[in-house]
């Protein structure tokens, strides 16, 4: 059972990574310099999301779903009895 929950966590992590790349591609479509800055300046991506919400909404929602899956898998692992 723990293996299945671990696979669930890895699936959530994969969704988070893919949605981060997707969001970075959305930024790069507007300006390659902005995409480079988003890689090196902390939280600049949040400003972009705020300014371009309609464009970034699907990628952000995928990121949130991936985080929810990771949190769910952590809760499930913690609820399992120790053997």
Protein backbone atom coordinates (compact mmCIF):
# COMPACT_ATOMS: atom_id res chain seq x y z
CA UNK A 1 0.00 0.00 0.00
CA UNK A 2 2.85 2.38 0.80
CA UNK A 3 4.21 1.84 -2.69
CA UNK A 4 0.92 3.01 -4.22
CA UNK A 5 0.87 6.11 -2.04
CA UNK A 6 4.49 6.79 -2.99
CA UNK A 7 3.56 6.51 -6.66
CA UNK A 8 0.71 8.94 -6.00
CA UNK A 9 3.17 11.42 -4.50
CA UNK A 10 5.49 11.04 -7.50
CA UNK A 11 2.55 11.64 -9.86
CA UNK A 12 1.72 14.83 -7.95
CA UNK A 13 5.34 15.92 -8.16
CA UNK A 14 5.35 15.29 -11.89
CA UNK A 15 2.24 17.45 -12.32
CA UNK A 16 3.87 20.26 -10.30
CA UNK A 17 7.06 20.15 -12.38
CA UNK A 18 5.17 20.09 -15.68
CA UNK A 19 2.92 22.97 -14.64
CA UNK A 20 5.98 25.03 -13.60
CA UNK A 21 7.52 24.45 -17.03
CA UNK A 22 4.18 25.31 -18.65
CA UNK A 23 4.01 28.57 -16.70
CA UNK A 24 7.57 29.42 -17.66
CA UNK A 25 6.72 28.83 -21.33
CA UNK A 26 3.74 31.16 -21.00
CA UNK A 27 6.07 33.83 -19.61
CA UNK A 28 8.62 33.20 -22.37
CA UNK A 29 5.97 33.63 -25.04
CA UNK A 30 5.57 37.23 -23.91
CA UNK A 31 9.23 38.01 -23.28
CA UNK A 32 12.24 35.70 -23.19
CA UNK A 33 13.99 38.15 -20.84
CA UNK A 34 11.06 37.93 -18.41
CA UNK A 35 11.32 34.13 -18.46
CA UNK A 36 15.02 34.35 -17.66
CA UNK A 37 14.30 36.76 -14.83
CA UNK A 38 11.61 34.42 -13.48
CA UNK A 39 14.26 31.72 -13.18
CA UNK A 40 16.63 33.88 -11.13
CA UNK A 41 14.48 36.41 -9.25
CA UNK A 42 12.46 34.87 -6.42
CA UNK A 43 8.69 35.40 -6.55
CA UNK A 44 8.74 37.29 -9.87
CA UNK A 45 6.58 34.52 -11.31
CA UNK A 46 3.88 35.43 -8.78
CA UNK A 47 3.83 38.99 -10.12
CA UNK A 48 3.45 37.62 -13.64
CA UNK A 49 0.57 35.39 -12.55
CA UNK A 50 -1.12 38.37 -10.90
CA UNK A 51 -0.71 40.54 -14.00
CA UNK A 52 -1.71 37.84 -16.54
CA UNK A 53 -4.19 35.73 -14.58
CA UNK A 54 -6.43 34.72 -17.51
CA UNK A 55 -3.45 33.45 -19.47
CA UNK A 56 -1.74 31.71 -16.53
CA UNK A 57 -4.84 30.29 -14.82
CA UNK A 58 -4.74 26.75 -16.33
CA UNK A 59 -1.06 26.26 -15.41
CA UNK A 60 -1.62 27.59 -11.89
CA UNK A 61 -4.63 25.33 -11.38
CA UNK A 62 -2.59 22.32 -12.53
CA UNK A 63 0.11 23.32 -10.03
CA UNK A 64 -2.47 23.55 -7.23
CA UNK A 65 -3.88 20.14 -8.17
CA UNK A 66 -0.40 18.61 -8.08
CA UNK A 67 0.26 20.13 -4.65
CA UNK A 68 -3.08 18.77 -3.40
CA UNK A 69 -2.13 15.27 -4.57
CA UNK A 70 1.23 15.52 -2.78
CA UNK A 71 -0.45 16.69 0.43
CA UNK A 72 -3.02 13.90 0.18
CA UNK A 73 -0.30 11.29 -0.21
CA UNK A 74 1.59 12.64 2.82
CA UNK A 75 -1.59 12.48 4.90
CA UNK A 76 -2.25 8.92 3.74
CA UNK A 77 1.29 7.81 4.60
CA UNK A 78 1.00 9.36 8.06
CA UNK A 79 -2.32 7.57 8.65
CA UNK A 80 -0.87 4.14 7.86
CA UNK A 81 0.11 1.92 10.77
CA UNK A 82 3.82 1.26 11.31
CA UNK A 83 4.85 -2.35 10.66
